[in-house]
PDB file of all heavy atoms in Angstrom:
ATOM      1  N   LYS A   1      21.788   8.946 -14.499  1.00  0.00           N
ATOM      2  CA  LYS A   1      22.924   9.594 -15.138  1.00  0.00           C
ATOM      3  C   LYS A   1      23.689  10.416 -14.108  1.00  0.00           C
ATOM      4  O   LYS A   1      23.350  10.433 -12.927  1.00  0.00           O
ATOM      5  CB  LYS A   1      22.446  10.489 -16.288  1.00  0.00           C
ATOM      6  CG  LYS A   1      21.683   9.742 -17.368  1.00  0.00           C
ATOM      7  CD  LYS A   1      22.540   8.698 -18.063  1.00  0.00           C
ATOM      8  CE  LYS A   1      21.765   7.996 -19.172  1.00  0.00           C
ATOM      9  NZ  LYS A   1      22.573   6.955 -19.850  1.00  0.00           N
ATOM     10  N   GLN A   2      24.711  11.112 -14.553  1.00  0.00           N
ATOM     11  CA  GLN A   2      25.577  11.849 -13.630  1.00  0.00           C
ATOM     12  C   GLN A   2      24.821  12.939 -12.875  1.00  0.00           C
ATOM     13  O   GLN A   2      25.060  13.160 -11.686  1.00  0.00           O
ATOM     14  CB  GLN A   2      26.747  12.473 -14.388  1.00  0.00           C
ATOM     15  CG  GLN A   2      27.712  13.231 -13.479  1.00  0.00           C
ATOM     16  CD  GLN A   2      28.873  13.826 -14.241  1.00  0.00           C
ATOM     17  OE1 GLN A   2      28.999  13.644 -15.447  1.00  0.00           O
ATOM     18  NE2 GLN A   2      29.729  14.557 -13.539  1.00  0.00           N
ATOM     19  N   SER A   3      23.880  13.615 -13.535  1.00  0.00           N
ATOM     20  CA  SER A   3      23.223  14.770 -12.925  1.00  0.00           C
ATOM     21  C   SER A   3      21.751  14.543 -12.592  1.00  0.00           C
ATOM     22  O   SER A   3      21.113  15.425 -12.013  1.00  0.00           O
ATOM     23  CB  SER A   3      23.334  15.985 -13.840  1.00  0.00           C
ATOM     24  OG  SER A   3      24.686  16.335 -14.046  1.00  0.00           O
ATOM     25  N   PHE A   4      21.195  13.385 -12.977  1.00  0.00           N
ATOM     26  CA  PHE A   4      19.783  13.141 -12.680  1.00  0.00           C
ATOM     27  C   PHE A   4      19.517  11.646 -12.649  1.00  0.00           C
ATOM     28  O   PHE A   4      20.286  10.838 -13.180  1.00  0.00           O
ATOM     29  CB  PHE A   4      18.879  13.821 -13.717  1.00  0.00           C
ATOM     30  CG  PHE A   4      18.868  13.136 -15.061  1.00  0.00           C
ATOM     31  CD1 PHE A   4      17.908  12.173 -15.362  1.00  0.00           C
ATOM     32  CD2 PHE A   4      19.815  13.444 -16.023  1.00  0.00           C
ATOM     33  CE1 PHE A   4      17.897  11.538 -16.589  1.00  0.00           C
ATOM     34  CE2 PHE A   4      19.817  12.819 -17.258  1.00  0.00           C
ATOM     35  CZ  PHE A   4      18.852  11.858 -17.538  1.00  0.00           C
ATOM     36  N   PHE A   5      18.402  11.287 -12.012  1.00  0.00           N
ATOM     37  CA  PHE A   5      17.913   9.912 -12.097  1.00  0.00           C
ATOM     38  C   PHE A   5      16.405   9.923 -11.911  1.00  0.00           C
ATOM     39  O   PHE A   5      15.827  10.842 -11.318  1.00  0.00           O
ATOM     40  CB  PHE A   5      18.589   8.974 -11.093  1.00  0.00           C
ATOM     41  CG  PHE A   5      18.312   9.282  -9.645  1.00  0.00           C
ATOM     42  CD1 PHE A   5      17.221   8.728  -8.978  1.00  0.00           C
ATOM     43  CD2 PHE A   5      19.158  10.125  -8.930  1.00  0.00           C
ATOM     44  CE1 PHE A   5      16.980   9.006  -7.644  1.00  0.00           C
ATOM     45  CE2 PHE A   5      18.920  10.410  -7.588  1.00  0.00           C
ATOM     46  CZ  PHE A   5      17.824   9.850  -6.944  1.00  0.00           C
ATOM     47  N   LEU A   6      15.765   8.894 -12.438  1.00  0.00           N
ATOM     48  CA  LEU A   6      14.319   8.736 -12.357  1.00  0.00           C
ATOM     49  C   LEU A   6      14.006   7.512 -11.514  1.00  0.00           C
ATOM     50  O   LEU A   6      14.565   6.433 -11.747  1.00  0.00           O
ATOM     51  CB  LEU A   6      13.726   8.584 -13.764  1.00  0.00           C
ATOM     52  CG  LEU A   6      12.218   8.343 -13.854  1.00  0.00           C
ATOM     53  CD1 LEU A   6      11.447   9.554 -13.353  1.00  0.00           C
ATOM     54  CD2 LEU A   6      11.818   8.017 -15.301  1.00  0.00           C
ATOM     55  N   GLN A   7      13.140   7.694 -10.545  1.00  0.00           N
ATOM     56  CA  GLN A   7      12.754   6.590  -9.667  1.00  0.00           C
ATOM     57  C   GLN A   7      11.252   6.376  -9.720  1.00  0.00           C
ATOM     58  O   GLN A   7      10.471   7.334  -9.691  1.00  0.00           O
ATOM     59  CB  GLN A   7      13.153   6.881  -8.216  1.00  0.00           C
ATOM     60  CG  GLN A   7      12.779   5.757  -7.261  1.00  0.00           C
ATOM     61  CD  GLN A   7      12.473   6.240  -5.861  1.00  0.00           C
ATOM     62  OE1 GLN A   7      12.095   7.389  -5.658  1.00  0.00           O
ATOM     63  NE2 GLN A   7      12.636   5.370  -4.885  1.00  0.00           N
ATOM     64  N   SER A   8      10.837   5.109  -9.815  1.00  0.00           N
ATOM     65  CA  SER A   8       9.426   4.739  -9.734  1.00  0.00           C
ATOM     66  C   SER A   8       9.255   3.768  -8.579  1.00  0.00           C
ATOM     67  O   SER A   8      10.105   2.905  -8.345  1.00  0.00           O
ATOM     68  CB  SER A   8       8.949   4.085 -11.033  1.00  0.00           C
ATOM     69  OG  SER A   8       8.983   5.010 -12.101  1.00  0.00           O
ATOM     70  N   ASN A   9       8.142   3.913  -7.877  1.00  0.00           N
ATOM     71  CA  ASN A   9       7.917   3.113  -6.676  1.00  0.00           C
ATOM     72  C   ASN A   9       6.424   2.862  -6.494  1.00  0.00           C
ATOM     73  O   ASN A   9       5.621   3.792  -6.563  1.00  0.00           O
ATOM     74  CB  ASN A   9       8.490   3.837  -5.448  1.00  0.00           C
ATOM     75  CG  ASN A   9       7.975   3.275  -4.143  1.00  0.00           C
ATOM     76  OD1 ASN A   9       7.307   3.963  -3.393  1.00  0.00           O
ATOM     77  ND2 ASN A   9       8.271   2.019  -3.874  1.00  0.00           N
ATOM     78  N   ILE A  10       6.050   1.612  -6.278  1.00  0.00           N
ATOM     79  CA  ILE A  10       4.679   1.257  -5.917  1.00  0.00           C
ATOM     80  C   ILE A  10       4.647   1.080  -4.404  1.00  0.00           C
ATOM     81  O   ILE A  10       5.319   0.210  -3.856  1.00  0.00           O
ATOM     82  CB  ILE A  10       4.228  -0.036  -6.622  1.00  0.00           C
ATOM     83  CG1 ILE A  10       4.169   0.170  -8.134  1.00  0.00           C
ATOM     84  CG2 ILE A  10       2.855  -0.475  -6.105  1.00  0.00           C
ATOM     85  CD1 ILE A  10       3.813  -1.076  -8.908  1.00  0.00           C
ATOM     86  N   ASP A  11       3.875   1.921  -3.720  1.00  0.00           N
ATOM     87  CA  ASP A  11       3.812   1.816  -2.261  1.00  0.00           C
ATOM     88  C   ASP A  11       2.444   1.357  -1.761  1.00  0.00           C
ATOM     89  O   ASP A  11       2.243   1.205  -0.561  1.00  0.00           O
ATOM     90  CB  ASP A  11       4.218   3.125  -1.581  1.00  0.00           C
ATOM     91  CG  ASP A  11       3.371   4.307  -2.002  1.00  0.00           C
ATOM     92  OD1 ASP A  11       2.370   4.107  -2.728  1.00  0.00           O
ATOM     93  OD2 ASP A  11       3.683   5.443  -1.606  1.00  0.00           O
ATOM     94  N   ARG A  12       1.486   1.160  -2.679  1.00  0.00           N
ATOM     95  CA  ARG A  12       0.209   0.548  -2.349  1.00  0.00           C
ATOM     96  C   ARG A  12      -0.190  -0.362  -3.504  1.00  0.00           C
ATOM     97  O   ARG A  12      -0.257   0.080  -4.654  1.00  0.00           O
ATOM     98  CB  ARG A  12      -0.896   1.599  -2.144  1.00  0.00           C
ATOM     99  CG  ARG A  12      -0.630   2.642  -1.097  1.00  0.00           C
ATOM    100  CD  ARG A  12      -0.698   2.106   0.314  1.00  0.00           C
ATOM    101  NE  ARG A  12      -0.649   3.184   1.268  1.00  0.00           N
ATOM    102  CZ  ARG A  12       0.486   3.758   1.709  1.00  0.00           C
ATOM    103  NH1 ARG A  12       1.656   3.332   1.262  1.00  0.00           N
ATOM    104  NH2 ARG A  12       0.452   4.735   2.594  1.00  0.00           N
ATOM    105  N   ALA A  13      -0.503  -1.616  -3.193  1.00  0.00           N
ATOM    106  CA  ALA A  13      -0.994  -2.569  -4.192  1.00  0.00           C
ATOM    107  C   ALA A  13      -1.704  -3.678  -3.426  1.00  0.00           C
ATOM    108  O   ALA A  13      -1.073  -4.626  -2.961  1.00  0.00           O
ATOM    109  CB  ALA A  13       0.151  -3.120  -5.040  1.00  0.00           C
ATOM    110  N   TYR A  14      -3.006  -3.534  -3.259  1.00  0.00           N
ATOM    111  CA  TYR A  14      -3.703  -4.498  -2.417  1.00  0.00           C
ATOM    112  C   TYR A  14      -5.118  -4.743  -2.916  1.00  0.00           C
ATOM    113  O   TYR A  14      -5.700  -3.951  -3.662  1.00  0.00           O
ATOM    114  CB  TYR A  14      -3.736  -4.028  -0.963  1.00  0.00           C
ATOM    115  CG  TYR A  14      -4.453  -2.726  -0.713  1.00  0.00           C
ATOM    116  CD1 TYR A  14      -5.839  -2.669  -0.561  1.00  0.00           C
ATOM    117  CD2 TYR A  14      -3.738  -1.524  -0.624  1.00  0.00           C
ATOM    118  CE1 TYR A  14      -6.487  -1.468  -0.339  1.00  0.00           C
ATOM    119  CE2 TYR A  14      -4.384  -0.315  -0.382  1.00  0.00           C
ATOM    120  CZ  TYR A  14      -5.759  -0.297  -0.241  1.00  0.00           C
ATOM    121  OH  TYR A  14      -6.397   0.886  -0.016  1.00  0.00           O
ATOM    122  N   VAL A  15      -5.667  -5.864  -2.486  1.00  0.00           N
ATOM    123  CA  VAL A  15      -7.063  -6.201  -2.707  1.00  0.00           C
ATOM    124  C   VAL A  15      -7.741  -6.206  -1.344  1.00  0.00           C
ATOM    125  O   VAL A  15      -7.167  -6.674  -0.354  1.00  0.00           O
ATOM    126  CB  VAL A  15      -7.211  -7.559  -3.419  1.00  0.00           C
ATOM    127  CG1 VAL A  15      -6.506  -8.671  -2.646  1.00  0.00           C
ATOM    128  CG2 VAL A  15      -8.684  -7.917  -3.618  1.00  0.00           C
ATOM    129  N   GLU A  16      -8.958  -5.662  -1.293  1.00  0.00           N
ATOM    130  CA  GLU A  16      -9.675  -5.544  -0.026  1.00  0.00           C
ATOM    131  C   GLU A  16     -11.069  -6.134  -0.149  1.00  0.00           C
ATOM    132  O   GLU A  16     -11.797  -5.840  -1.105  1.00  0.00           O
ATOM    133  CB  GLU A  16      -9.755  -4.072   0.392  1.00  0.00           C
ATOM    134  CG  GLU A  16     -10.402  -3.853   1.748  1.00  0.00           C
ATOM    135  CD  GLU A  16     -10.367  -2.387   2.149  1.00  0.00           C
ATOM    136  OE1 GLU A  16     -10.718  -1.541   1.291  1.00  0.00           O
ATOM    137  OE2 GLU A  16      -9.989  -2.082   3.297  1.00  0.00           O
ATOM    138  N   TYR A  17     -11.409  -6.951   0.827  1.00  0.00           N
ATOM    139  CA  TYR A  17     -12.741  -7.556   0.883  1.00  0.00           C
ATOM    140  C   TYR A  17     -13.407  -7.118   2.172  1.00  0.00           C
ATOM    141  O   TYR A  17     -12.835  -7.269   3.262  1.00  0.00           O
ATOM    142  CB  TYR A  17     -12.634  -9.083   0.828  1.00  0.00           C
ATOM    143  CG  TYR A  17     -13.972  -9.791   0.905  1.00  0.00           C
ATOM    144  CD1 TYR A  17     -14.776  -9.912  -0.224  1.00  0.00           C
ATOM    145  CD2 TYR A  17     -14.423 -10.330   2.105  1.00  0.00           C
ATOM    146  CE1 TYR A  17     -16.011 -10.561  -0.170  1.00  0.00           C
ATOM    147  CE2 TYR A  17     -15.654 -10.978   2.169  1.00  0.00           C
ATOM    148  CZ  TYR A  17     -16.439 -11.088   1.037  1.00  0.00           C
ATOM    149  OH  TYR A  17     -17.659 -11.732   1.096  1.00  0.00           O
ATOM    150  N   ALA A  18     -14.601  -6.558   2.091  1.00  0.00           N
ATOM    151  CA  ALA A  18     -15.319  -6.080   3.268  1.00  0.00           C
ATOM    152  C   ALA A  18     -16.771  -6.521   3.173  1.00  0.00           C
ATOM    153  O   ALA A  18     -17.461  -6.223   2.182  1.00  0.00           O
ATOM    154  CB  ALA A  18     -15.236  -4.554   3.372  1.00  0.00           C
ATOM    155  N   ARG A  19     -17.207  -7.239   4.209  1.00  0.00           N
ATOM    156  CA  ARG A  19     -18.592  -7.707   4.227  1.00  0.00           C
ATOM    157  C   ARG A  19     -19.027  -7.877   5.675  1.00  0.00           C
ATOM    158  O   ARG A  19     -18.344  -8.537   6.463  1.00  0.00           O
ATOM    159  CB  ARG A  19     -18.733  -9.014   3.470  1.00  0.00           C
ATOM    160  CG  ARG A  19     -20.174  -9.445   3.267  1.00  0.00           C
ATOM    161  CD  ARG A  19     -20.289 -10.493   2.203  1.00  0.00           C
ATOM    162  NE  ARG A  19     -21.677 -10.744   1.844  1.00  0.00           N
ATOM    163  CZ  ARG A  19     -22.063 -11.494   0.821  1.00  0.00           C
ATOM    164  NH1 ARG A  19     -21.140 -12.056   0.037  1.00  0.00           N
ATOM    165  NH2 ARG A  19     -23.342 -11.678   0.547  1.00  0.00           N
ATOM    166  N   GLY A  20     -20.162  -7.272   5.995  1.00  0.00           N
ATOM    167  CA  GLY A  20     -20.624  -7.343   7.372  1.00  0.00           C
ATOM    168  C   GLY A  20     -19.627  -6.661   8.301  1.00  0.00           C
ATOM    169  O   GLY A  20     -19.190  -5.538   8.060  1.00  0.00           O
ATOM    170  N   ASN A  21     -19.265  -7.354   9.363  1.00  0.00           N
ATOM    171  CA  ASN A  21     -18.307  -6.821  10.327  1.00  0.00           C
ATOM    172  C   ASN A  21     -16.860  -7.151   9.985  1.00  0.00           C
ATOM    173  O   ASN A  21     -15.958  -6.766  10.727  1.00  0.00           O
ATOM    174  CB  ASN A  21     -18.618  -7.363  11.730  1.00  0.00           C
ATOM    175  CG  ASN A  21     -19.925  -6.818  12.283  1.00  0.00           C
ATOM    176  OD1 ASN A  21     -20.385  -5.756  11.867  1.00  0.00           O
ATOM    177  ND2 ASN A  21     -20.532  -7.539  13.198  1.00  0.00           N
ATOM    178  N   TRP A  22     -16.635  -7.842   8.862  1.00  0.00           N
ATOM    179  CA  TRP A  22     -15.285  -8.300   8.514  1.00  0.00           C
ATOM    180  C   TRP A  22     -14.655  -7.448   7.432  1.00  0.00           C
ATOM    181  O   TRP A  22     -15.326  -6.991   6.514  1.00  0.00           O
ATOM    182  CB  TRP A  22     -15.329  -9.751   8.031  1.00  0.00           C
ATOM    183  CG  TRP A  22     -15.471 -10.751   9.123  1.00  0.00           C
ATOM    184  CD1 TRP A  22     -16.620 -11.372   9.526  1.00  0.00           C
ATOM    185  CD2 TRP A  22     -14.428 -11.261   9.953  1.00  0.00           C
ATOM    186  NE1 TRP A  22     -16.361 -12.235  10.561  1.00  0.00           N
ATOM    187  CE2 TRP A  22     -15.025 -12.192  10.847  1.00  0.00           C
ATOM    188  CE3 TRP A  22     -13.059 -11.024  10.045  1.00  0.00           C
ATOM    189  CZ2 TRP A  22     -14.291 -12.878  11.813  1.00  0.00           C
ATOM    190  CZ3 TRP A  22     -12.319 -11.707  10.995  1.00  0.00           C
ATOM    191  CH2 TRP A  22     -12.926 -12.623  11.864  1.00  0.00           C
ATOM    192  N   GLU A  23     -13.351  -7.241   7.557  1.00  0.00           N
ATOM    193  CA  GLU A  23     -12.534  -6.640   6.507  1.00  0.00           C
ATOM    194  C   GLU A  23     -11.259  -7.460   6.362  1.00  0.00           C
ATOM    195  O   GLU A  23     -10.638  -7.830   7.364  1.00  0.00           O
ATOM    196  CB  GLU A  23     -12.156  -5.193   6.842  1.00  0.00           C
ATOM    197  CG  GLU A  23     -13.303  -4.212   6.763  1.00  0.00           C
ATOM    198  CD  GLU A  23     -12.856  -2.786   7.045  1.00  0.00           C
ATOM    199  OE1 GLU A  23     -11.625  -2.581   7.244  1.00  0.00           O
ATOM    200  OE2 GLU A  23     -13.709  -1.892   7.103  1.00  0.00           O
ATOM    201  N   LEU A  24     -10.875  -7.717   5.117  1.00  0.00           N
ATOM    202  CA  LEU A  24      -9.638  -8.436   4.834  1.00  0.00           C
ATOM    203  C   LEU A  24      -8.893  -7.686   3.745  1.00  0.00           C
ATOM    204  O   LEU A  24      -9.455  -7.397   2.686  1.00  0.00           O
ATOM    205  CB  LEU A  24      -9.923  -9.869   4.389  1.00  0.00           C
ATOM    206  CG  LEU A  24      -8.704 -10.720   4.035  1.00  0.00           C
ATOM    207  CD1 LEU A  24      -7.829 -10.971   5.274  1.00  0.00           C
ATOM    208  CD2 LEU A  24      -9.122 -12.040   3.394  1.00  0.00           C
ATOM    209  N   ARG A  25      -7.624  -7.373   3.988  1.00  0.00           N
ATOM    210  CA  ARG A  25      -6.809  -6.652   3.013  1.00  0.00           C
ATOM    211  C   ARG A  25      -5.498  -7.399   2.817  1.00  0.00           C
ATOM    212  O   ARG A  25      -4.807  -7.718   3.786  1.00  0.00           O
ATOM    213  CB  ARG A  25      -6.542  -5.227   3.489  1.00  0.00           C
ATOM    214  CG  ARG A  25      -5.756  -4.380   2.506  1.00  0.00           C
ATOM    215  CD  ARG A  25      -5.506  -2.985   3.041  1.00  0.00           C
ATOM    216  NE  ARG A  25      -6.717  -2.162   3.047  1.00  0.00           N
ATOM    217  CZ  ARG A  25      -6.727  -0.888   3.381  1.00  0.00           C
ATOM    218  NH1 ARG A  25      -5.608  -0.282   3.753  1.00  0.00           N
ATOM    219  NH2 ARG A  25      -7.852  -0.203   3.359  1.00  0.00           N
ATOM    220  N   VAL A  26      -5.150  -7.658   1.553  1.00  0.00           N
ATOM    221  CA  VAL A  26      -3.957  -8.427   1.218  1.00  0.00           C
ATOM    222  C   VAL A  26      -3.130  -7.643   0.209  1.00  0.00           C
ATOM    223  O   VAL A  26      -3.645  -7.225  -0.832  1.00  0.00           O
ATOM    224  CB  VAL A  26      -4.323  -9.814   0.633  1.00  0.00           C
ATOM    225  CG1 VAL A  26      -3.053 -10.599   0.294  1.00  0.00           C
ATOM    226  CG2 VAL A  26      -5.200 -10.597   1.603  1.00  0.00           C
ATOM    227  N   GLY A  27      -1.845  -7.457   0.503  1.00  0.00           N
ATOM    228  CA  GLY A  27      -0.950  -6.765  -0.419  1.00  0.00           C
ATOM    229  C   GLY A  27      -0.196  -5.650   0.273  1.00  0.00           C
ATOM    230  O   GLY A  27      -0.182  -5.543   1.506  1.00  0.00           O
ATOM    231  N   ARG A  28       0.452  -4.812  -0.533  1.00  0.00           N
ATOM    232  CA  ARG A  28       1.203  -3.691   0.031  1.00  0.00           C
ATOM    233  C   ARG A  28       0.232  -2.608   0.495  1.00  0.00           C
ATOM    234  O   ARG A  28      -0.529  -2.069  -0.294  1.00  0.00           O
ATOM    235  CB  ARG A  28       2.202  -3.129  -0.978  1.00  0.00           C
ATOM    236  CG  ARG A  28       2.988  -1.941  -0.426  1.00  0.00           C
ATOM    237  CD  ARG A  28       4.261  -1.694  -1.182  1.00  0.00           C
ATOM    238  NE  ARG A  28       5.224  -2.768  -0.984  1.00  0.00           N
ATOM    239  CZ  ARG A  28       6.487  -2.739  -1.436  1.00  0.00           C
ATOM    240  NH1 ARG A  28       6.920  -1.675  -2.088  1.00  0.00           N
ATOM    241  NH2 ARG A  28       7.290  -3.762  -1.236  1.00  0.00           N
ATOM    242  N   GLN A  29       0.304  -2.284   1.768  1.00  0.00           N
ATOM    243  CA  GLN A  29      -0.675  -1.397   2.388  1.00  0.00           C
ATOM    244  C   GLN A  29      -0.034  -0.681   3.563  1.00  0.00           C
ATOM    245  O   GLN A  29       1.028  -1.060   4.044  1.00  0.00           O
ATOM    246  CB  GLN A  29      -1.865  -2.219   2.893  1.00  0.00           C
ATOM    247  CG  GLN A  29      -1.453  -3.311   3.878  1.00  0.00           C
ATOM    248  CD  GLN A  29      -2.573  -4.235   4.257  1.00  0.00           C
ATOM    249  OE1 GLN A  29      -3.474  -3.843   4.989  1.00  0.00           O
ATOM    250  NE2 GLN A  29      -2.527  -5.470   3.762  1.00  0.00           N
ATOM    251  N   ARG A  30      -0.710   0.347   4.026  1.00  0.00           N
ATOM    252  CA  ARG A  30      -0.281   1.036   5.239  1.00  0.00           C
ATOM    253  C   ARG A  30      -1.116   0.544   6.407  1.00  0.00           C
ATOM    254  O   ARG A  30      -2.349   0.589   6.367  1.00  0.00           O
ATOM    255  CB  ARG A  30      -0.398   2.545   5.095  1.00  0.00           C
ATOM    256  CG  ARG A  30      -0.104   3.263   6.406  1.00  0.00           C
ATOM    257  CD  ARG A  30       0.554   4.605   6.209  1.00  0.00           C
ATOM    258  NE  ARG A  30       0.814   5.254   7.486  1.00  0.00           N
ATOM    259  CZ  ARG A  30       1.816   4.935   8.297  1.00  0.00           C
ATOM    260  NH1 ARG A  30       2.657   3.974   7.956  1.00  0.00           N
ATOM    261  NH2 ARG A  30       1.999   5.563   9.437  1.00  0.00           N
ATOM    262  N   ILE A  31      -0.463   0.036   7.447  1.00  0.00           N
ATOM    263  CA  ILE A  31      -1.132  -0.400   8.673  1.00  0.00           C
ATOM    264  C   ILE A  31      -0.807   0.641   9.732  1.00  0.00           C
ATOM    265  O   ILE A  31       0.281   0.656  10.303  1.00  0.00           O
ATOM    266  CB  ILE A  31      -0.648  -1.797   9.104  1.00  0.00           C
ATOM    267  CG1 ILE A  31      -0.883  -2.799   7.971  1.00  0.00           C
ATOM    268  CG2 ILE A  31      -1.368  -2.243  10.370  1.00  0.00           C
ATOM    269  CD1 ILE A  31      -0.281  -4.164   8.218  1.00  0.00           C
ATOM    270  N   ASN A  32      -1.747   1.530   9.962  1.00  0.00           N
ATOM    271  CA  ASN A  32      -1.494   2.696  10.805  1.00  0.00           C
ATOM    272  C   ASN A  32      -2.090   2.478  12.195  1.00  0.00           C
ATOM    273  O   ASN A  32      -3.297   2.597  12.387  1.00  0.00           O
ATOM    274  CB  ASN A  32      -2.090   3.943  10.148  1.00  0.00           C
ATOM    275  CG  ASN A  32      -1.800   5.198  10.942  1.00  0.00           C
ATOM    276  OD1 ASN A  32      -0.978   5.190  11.854  1.00  0.00           O
ATOM    277  ND2 ASN A  32      -2.479   6.273  10.605  1.00  0.00           N
ATOM    278  N   TRP A  33      -1.237   2.186  13.167  1.00  0.00           N
ATOM    279  CA  TRP A  33      -1.679   2.000  14.536  1.00  0.00           C
ATOM    280  C   TRP A  33      -1.243   3.172  15.427  1.00  0.00           C
ATOM    281  O   TRP A  33      -1.400   3.112  16.633  1.00  0.00           O
ATOM    282  CB  TRP A  33      -1.136   0.683  15.098  1.00  0.00           C
ATOM    283  CG  TRP A  33      -1.793  -0.527  14.504  1.00  0.00           C
ATOM    284  CD1 TRP A  33      -2.775  -0.551  13.569  1.00  0.00           C
ATOM    285  CD2 TRP A  33      -1.511  -1.895  14.818  1.00  0.00           C
ATOM    286  NE1 TRP A  33      -3.120  -1.834  13.266  1.00  0.00           N
ATOM    287  CE2 TRP A  33      -2.363  -2.694  14.013  1.00  0.00           C
ATOM    288  CE3 TRP A  33      -0.622  -2.532  15.677  1.00  0.00           C
ATOM    289  CZ2 TRP A  33      -2.357  -4.088  14.063  1.00  0.00           C
ATOM    290  CZ3 TRP A  33      -0.616  -3.919  15.721  1.00  0.00           C
ATOM    291  CH2 TRP A  33      -1.472  -4.687  14.930  1.00  0.00           C
ATOM    292  N   GLY A  34      -0.697   4.213  14.841  1.00  0.00           N
ATOM    293  CA  GLY A  34      -0.210   5.337  15.624  1.00  0.00           C
ATOM    294  C   GLY A  34      -1.339   6.251  16.083  1.00  0.00           C
ATOM    295  O   GLY A  34      -2.391   6.350  15.443  1.00  0.00           O
ATOM    296  N   GLN A  35      -1.115   6.941  17.191  1.00  0.00           N
ATOM    297  CA  GLN A  35      -2.079   7.891  17.733  1.00  0.00           C
ATOM    298  C   GLN A  35      -1.517   9.313  17.770  1.00  0.00           C
ATOM    299  O   GLN A  35      -2.245  10.269  17.551  1.00  0.00           O
ATOM    300  CB  GLN A  35      -2.487   7.483  19.161  1.00  0.00           C
ATOM    301  CG  GLN A  35      -3.254   6.184  19.248  1.00  0.00           C
ATOM    302  CD  GLN A  35      -4.708   6.338  18.839  1.00  0.00           C
ATOM    303  OE1 GLN A  35      -5.209   7.440  18.696  1.00  0.00           O
ATOM    304  NE2 GLN A  35      -5.385   5.224  18.632  1.00  0.00           N
TER     305      GLN A  35
END
C-alpha cells in the first residue's frame, strides 16, 4: 500500500545427506568460503 508493504522471503530450503566422510546439500543454502 502507499504507506506500508509486507515482504516474505525463503532464504534457506535444502535437503542434506551426511554419511561417513561425505556431505551432500541440495537447495537454497549459504556457501560460505569467506575468511
